[in-house]
Amino acid sequence: MKTELFYLSLTAAFTGLLWVPYVLDRFFVRGILGAIGYPENPKPQSLWAQRLMLAHTNAVENLVVFAPLVLAAAALGLEGGLIASAAVLYFWARVVHAAAYTLKIPGVRTLAFVAGFAAQAMVAVSILMH
């Protein structure tokens, strides 16, 4: 498998699993019925879980941009080199972003977000210059 497609798949899998810890927190905080039902005044989740939910939303929003760019690059035959490096950078930037957001490390969170955006830009520019 090409590096860029491997890391895109890894990113999609990671994004798809980010909900697990905050849903488990919901079970612990609210109990099973409170977590699966629609309580009138639900107990708030732990602060870290609330931040992870926001990180998950951000990851989904950015994957919607990144995935089509990598797939378009692959369809155009642009592979390896810059595209592969961008995919690796994007994956690790999203992992760091989620961790920094969850652990409330604002400077690191922002740098990770910018690194992910730079990876998106690298792929977009490569496609547009093709």
C-alpha atoms as a PDB file:
ATOM      1  CA  MET A   1       0.000   0.000   0.000  1.00  0.00           C
ATOM      2  CA  LYS A   2       1.243   3.472  -0.817  1.00  0.00           C
ATOM      3  CA  THR A   3       2.392   5.467   2.197  1.00  0.00           C
ATOM      4  CA  GLU A   4      -0.099   8.280   1.672  1.00  0.00           C
ATOM      5  CA  LEU A   5      -3.040   5.872   1.433  1.00  0.00           C
ATOM      6  CA  PHE A   6      -1.820   3.932   4.470  1.00  0.00           C
ATOM      7  CA  TYR A   7      -1.622   7.102   6.574  1.00  0.00           C
ATOM      8  CA  LEU A   8      -4.950   8.350   5.238  1.00  0.00           C
ATOM      9  CA  SER A   9      -6.496   5.021   6.316  1.00  0.00           C
ATOM     10  CA  LEU A  10      -4.775   5.267   9.691  1.00  0.00           C
ATOM     11  CA  THR A  11      -6.077   8.824  10.112  1.00  0.00           C
ATOM     12  CA  ALA A  12      -9.620   7.775   9.219  1.00  0.00           C
ATOM     13  CA  ALA A  13      -9.460   4.855  11.678  1.00  0.00           C
ATOM     14  CA  PHE A  14      -8.057   7.093  14.423  1.00  0.00           C
ATOM     15  CA  THR A  15     -10.760   9.700  13.809  1.00  0.00           C
ATOM     16  CA  GLY A  16     -13.397   6.978  13.798  1.00  0.00           C
ATOM     17  CA  LEU A  17     -12.274   5.754  17.226  1.00  0.00           C
ATOM     18  CA  LEU A  18     -11.942   9.100  19.011  1.00  0.00           C
ATOM     19  CA  TRP A  19     -15.495   8.816  20.338  1.00  0.00           C
ATOM     20  CA  VAL A  20     -14.771   5.710  22.420  1.00  0.00           C
ATOM     21  CA  PRO A  21     -13.085   7.347  25.448  1.00  0.00           C
ATOM     22  CA  TYR A  22     -15.649  10.130  25.829  1.00  0.00           C
ATOM     23  CA  VAL A  23     -18.574   7.746  25.496  1.00  0.00           C
ATOM     24  CA  LEU A  24     -17.026   5.516  28.160  1.00  0.00           C
ATOM     25  CA  ASP A  25     -16.754   8.624  30.349  1.00  0.00           C
ATOM     26  CA  ARG A  26     -20.452   9.262  29.708  1.00  0.00           C
ATOM     27  CA  PHE A  27     -21.272   5.762  30.991  1.00  0.00           C
ATOM     28  CA  PHE A  28     -19.208   6.344  34.139  1.00  0.00           C
ATOM     29  CA  VAL A  29     -20.646   9.804  34.809  1.00  0.00           C
ATOM     30  CA  ARG A  30     -24.298   9.219  33.897  1.00  0.00           C
ATOM     31  CA  GLY A  31     -24.698   5.463  34.197  1.00  0.00           C
ATOM     32  CA  ILE A  32     -25.823   3.229  31.363  1.00  0.00           C
ATOM     33  CA  LEU A  33     -29.416   4.479  31.183  1.00  0.00           C
ATOM     34  CA  GLY A  34     -28.306   8.097  31.419  1.00  0.00           C
ATOM     35  CA  ALA A  35     -25.792   7.544  28.646  1.00  0.00           C
ATOM     36  CA  ILE A  36     -28.098   5.769  26.196  1.00  0.00           C
ATOM     37  CA  GLY A  37     -31.273   7.692  26.973  1.00  0.00           C
ATOM     38  CA  TYR A  38     -32.325  11.305  26.757  1.00  0.00           C
ATOM     39  CA  PRO A  39     -32.290  12.576  30.335  1.00  0.00           C
ATOM     40  CA  GLU A  40     -33.841  15.992  30.969  1.00  0.00           C
ATOM     41  CA  ASN A  41     -30.895  17.360  32.923  1.00  0.00           C
ATOM     42  CA  PRO A  42     -27.913  15.102  32.165  1.00  0.00           C
ATOM     43  CA  LYS A  43     -24.865  15.227  34.394  1.00  0.00           C
ATOM     44  CA  PRO A  44     -22.056  17.020  32.579  1.00  0.00           C
ATOM     45  CA  GLN A  45     -19.240  14.884  31.335  1.00  0.00           C
ATOM     46  CA  SER A  46     -15.717  15.185  32.673  1.00  0.00           C
ATOM     47  CA  LEU A  47     -13.899  18.241  31.342  1.00  0.00           C
ATOM     48  CA  TRP A  48     -11.327  16.118  29.525  1.00  0.00           C
ATOM     49  CA  ALA A  49     -14.157  14.224  27.787  1.00  0.00           C
ATOM     50  CA  GLN A  50     -15.799  17.480  26.734  1.00  0.00           C
ATOM     51  CA  ARG A  51     -12.502  18.623  25.236  1.00  0.00           C
ATOM     52  CA  LEU A  52     -12.011  15.266  23.469  1.00  0.00           C
ATOM     53  CA  MET A  53     -15.475  15.642  21.948  1.00  0.00           C
ATOM     54  CA  LEU A  54     -14.401  19.016  20.549  1.00  0.00           C
ATOM     55  CA  ALA A  55     -11.147  17.514  19.263  1.00  0.00           C
ATOM     56  CA  HIS A  56     -13.134  14.715  17.594  1.00  0.00           C
ATOM     57  CA  THR A  57     -15.421  17.225  15.891  1.00  0.00           C
ATOM     58  CA  ASN A  58     -12.392  19.164  14.675  1.00  0.00           C
ATOM     59  CA  ALA A  59     -10.765  15.960  13.414  1.00  0.00           C
ATOM     60  CA  VAL A  60     -13.876  15.056  11.411  1.00  0.00           C
ATOM     61  CA  GLU A  61     -14.135  18.570   9.958  1.00  0.00           C
ATOM     62  CA  ASN A  62     -10.515  18.457   8.799  1.00  0.00           C
ATOM     63  CA  LEU A  63     -10.597  14.885   7.532  1.00  0.00           C
ATOM     64  CA  VAL A  64     -13.355  15.984   5.153  1.00  0.00           C
ATOM     65  CA  VAL A  65     -10.798  18.327   3.577  1.00  0.00           C
ATOM     66  CA  PHE A  66      -7.718  16.116   3.743  1.00  0.00           C
ATOM     67  CA  ALA A  67      -9.120  12.805   2.511  1.00  0.00           C
ATOM     68  CA  PRO A  68     -10.383  14.078  -0.875  1.00  0.00           C
ATOM     69  CA  LEU A  69      -7.072  15.854  -1.442  1.00  0.00           C
ATOM     70  CA  VAL A  70      -5.055  12.665  -0.889  1.00  0.00           C
ATOM     71  CA  LEU A  71      -7.478  10.639  -3.006  1.00  0.00           C
ATOM     72  CA  ALA A  72      -7.362  13.232  -5.791  1.00  0.00           C
ATOM     73  CA  ALA A  73      -3.567  13.182  -5.682  1.00  0.00           C
ATOM     74  CA  ALA A  74      -3.631   9.374  -5.931  1.00  0.00           C
ATOM     75  CA  ALA A  75      -6.081   9.522  -8.844  1.00  0.00           C
ATOM     76  CA  LEU A  76      -3.722  11.926 -10.639  1.00  0.00           C
ATOM     77  CA  GLY A  77      -0.794   9.590 -10.043  1.00  0.00           C
ATOM     78  CA  LEU A  78       0.913  11.950  -7.611  1.00  0.00           C
ATOM     79  CA  GLU A  79       2.483   9.669  -5.068  1.00  0.00           C
ATOM     80  CA  GLY A  80       5.364   9.353  -2.691  1.00  0.00           C
ATOM     81  CA  GLY A  81       7.639  12.231  -1.787  1.00  0.00           C
ATOM     82  CA  LEU A  82       5.736  15.313  -0.752  1.00  0.00           C
ATOM     83  CA  ILE A  83       2.291  13.684  -0.740  1.00  0.00           C
ATOM     84  CA  ALA A  84       3.483  10.791   1.434  1.00  0.00           C
ATOM     85  CA  SER A  85       5.282  13.172   3.795  1.00  0.00           C
ATOM     86  CA  ALA A  86       2.147  15.306   4.052  1.00  0.00           C
ATOM     87  CA  ALA A  87       0.045  12.258   4.937  1.00  0.00           C
ATOM     88  CA  VAL A  88       2.489  11.197   7.655  1.00  0.00           C
ATOM     89  CA  LEU A  89       2.635  14.758   8.996  1.00  0.00           C
ATOM     90  CA  TYR A  90      -1.151  15.026   8.940  1.00  0.00           C
ATOM     91  CA  PHE A  91      -1.665  11.803  10.891  1.00  0.00           C
ATOM     92  CA  TRP A  92       0.785  12.699  13.646  1.00  0.00           C
ATOM     93  CA  ALA A  93      -0.468  16.283  13.780  1.00  0.00           C
ATOM     94  CA  ARG A  94      -4.008  14.998  14.386  1.00  0.00           C
ATOM     95  CA  VAL A  95      -2.830  12.582  17.097  1.00  0.00           C
ATOM     96  CA  VAL A  96      -0.957  15.383  18.869  1.00  0.00           C
ATOM     97  CA  HIS A  97      -3.896  17.767  18.375  1.00  0.00           C
ATOM     98  CA  ALA A  98      -6.352  15.342  19.985  1.00  0.00           C
ATOM     99  CA  ALA A  99      -4.020  14.642  22.900  1.00  0.00           C
ATOM    100  CA  ALA A 100      -3.172  18.306  23.451  1.00  0.00           C
ATOM    101  CA  TYR A 101      -6.832  19.336  23.234  1.00  0.00           C
ATOM    102  CA  THR A 102      -7.884  16.616  25.671  1.00  0.00           C
ATOM    103  CA  LEU A 103      -5.074  17.417  28.112  1.00  0.00           C
ATOM    104  CA  LYS A 104      -5.608  21.190  27.760  1.00  0.00           C
ATOM    105  CA  ILE A 105      -2.217  22.108  26.285  1.00  0.00           C
ATOM    106  CA  PRO A 106      -3.179  25.163  24.177  1.00  0.00           C
ATOM    107  CA  GLY A 107       0.146  26.037  22.501  1.00  0.00           C
ATOM    108  CA  VAL A 108       0.798  22.464  21.434  1.00  0.00           C
ATOM    109  CA  ARG A 109      -2.798  22.107  20.266  1.00  0.00           C
ATOM    110  CA  THR A 110      -2.453  25.173  18.049  1.00  0.00           C
ATOM    111  CA  LEU A 111       0.901  24.078  16.592  1.00  0.00           C
ATOM    112  CA  ALA A 112      -0.524  20.635  15.822  1.00  0.00           C
ATOM    113  CA  PHE A 113      -3.532  22.205  14.104  1.00  0.00           C
ATOM    114  CA  VAL A 114      -1.254  24.421  11.993  1.00  0.00           C
ATOM    115  CA  ALA A 115       0.900  21.399  11.082  1.00  0.00           C
ATOM    116  CA  GLY A 116      -2.224  19.562   9.916  1.00  0.00           C
ATOM    117  CA  PHE A 117      -3.283  22.571   7.863  1.00  0.00           C
ATOM    118  CA  ALA A 118       0.209  22.759   6.348  1.00  0.00           C
ATOM    119  CA  ALA A 119      -0.132  19.099   5.316  1.00  0.00           C
ATOM    120  CA  GLN A 120      -3.449  19.894   3.637  1.00  0.00           C
ATOM    121  CA  ALA A 121      -1.858  22.843   1.849  1.00  0.00           C
ATOM    122  CA  MET A 122       1.092  20.722   0.693  1.00  0.00           C
ATOM    123  CA  VAL A 123      -1.232  18.252  -1.009  1.00  0.00           C
ATOM    124  CA  ALA A 124      -3.506  20.958  -2.444  1.00  0.00           C
ATOM    125  CA  VAL A 125      -0.576  22.886  -3.933  1.00  0.00           C
ATOM    126  CA  SER A 126       0.881  19.682  -5.393  1.00  0.00           C
ATOM    127  CA  ILE A 127      -2.429  18.932  -7.095  1.00  0.00           C
ATOM    128  CA  LEU A 128      -2.884  22.466  -8.396  1.00  0.00           C
ATOM    129  CA  MET A 129       0.672  22.608  -9.751  1.00  0.00           C
ATOM    130  CA  HIS A 130       0.282  19.267 -11.541  1.00  0.00           C
END
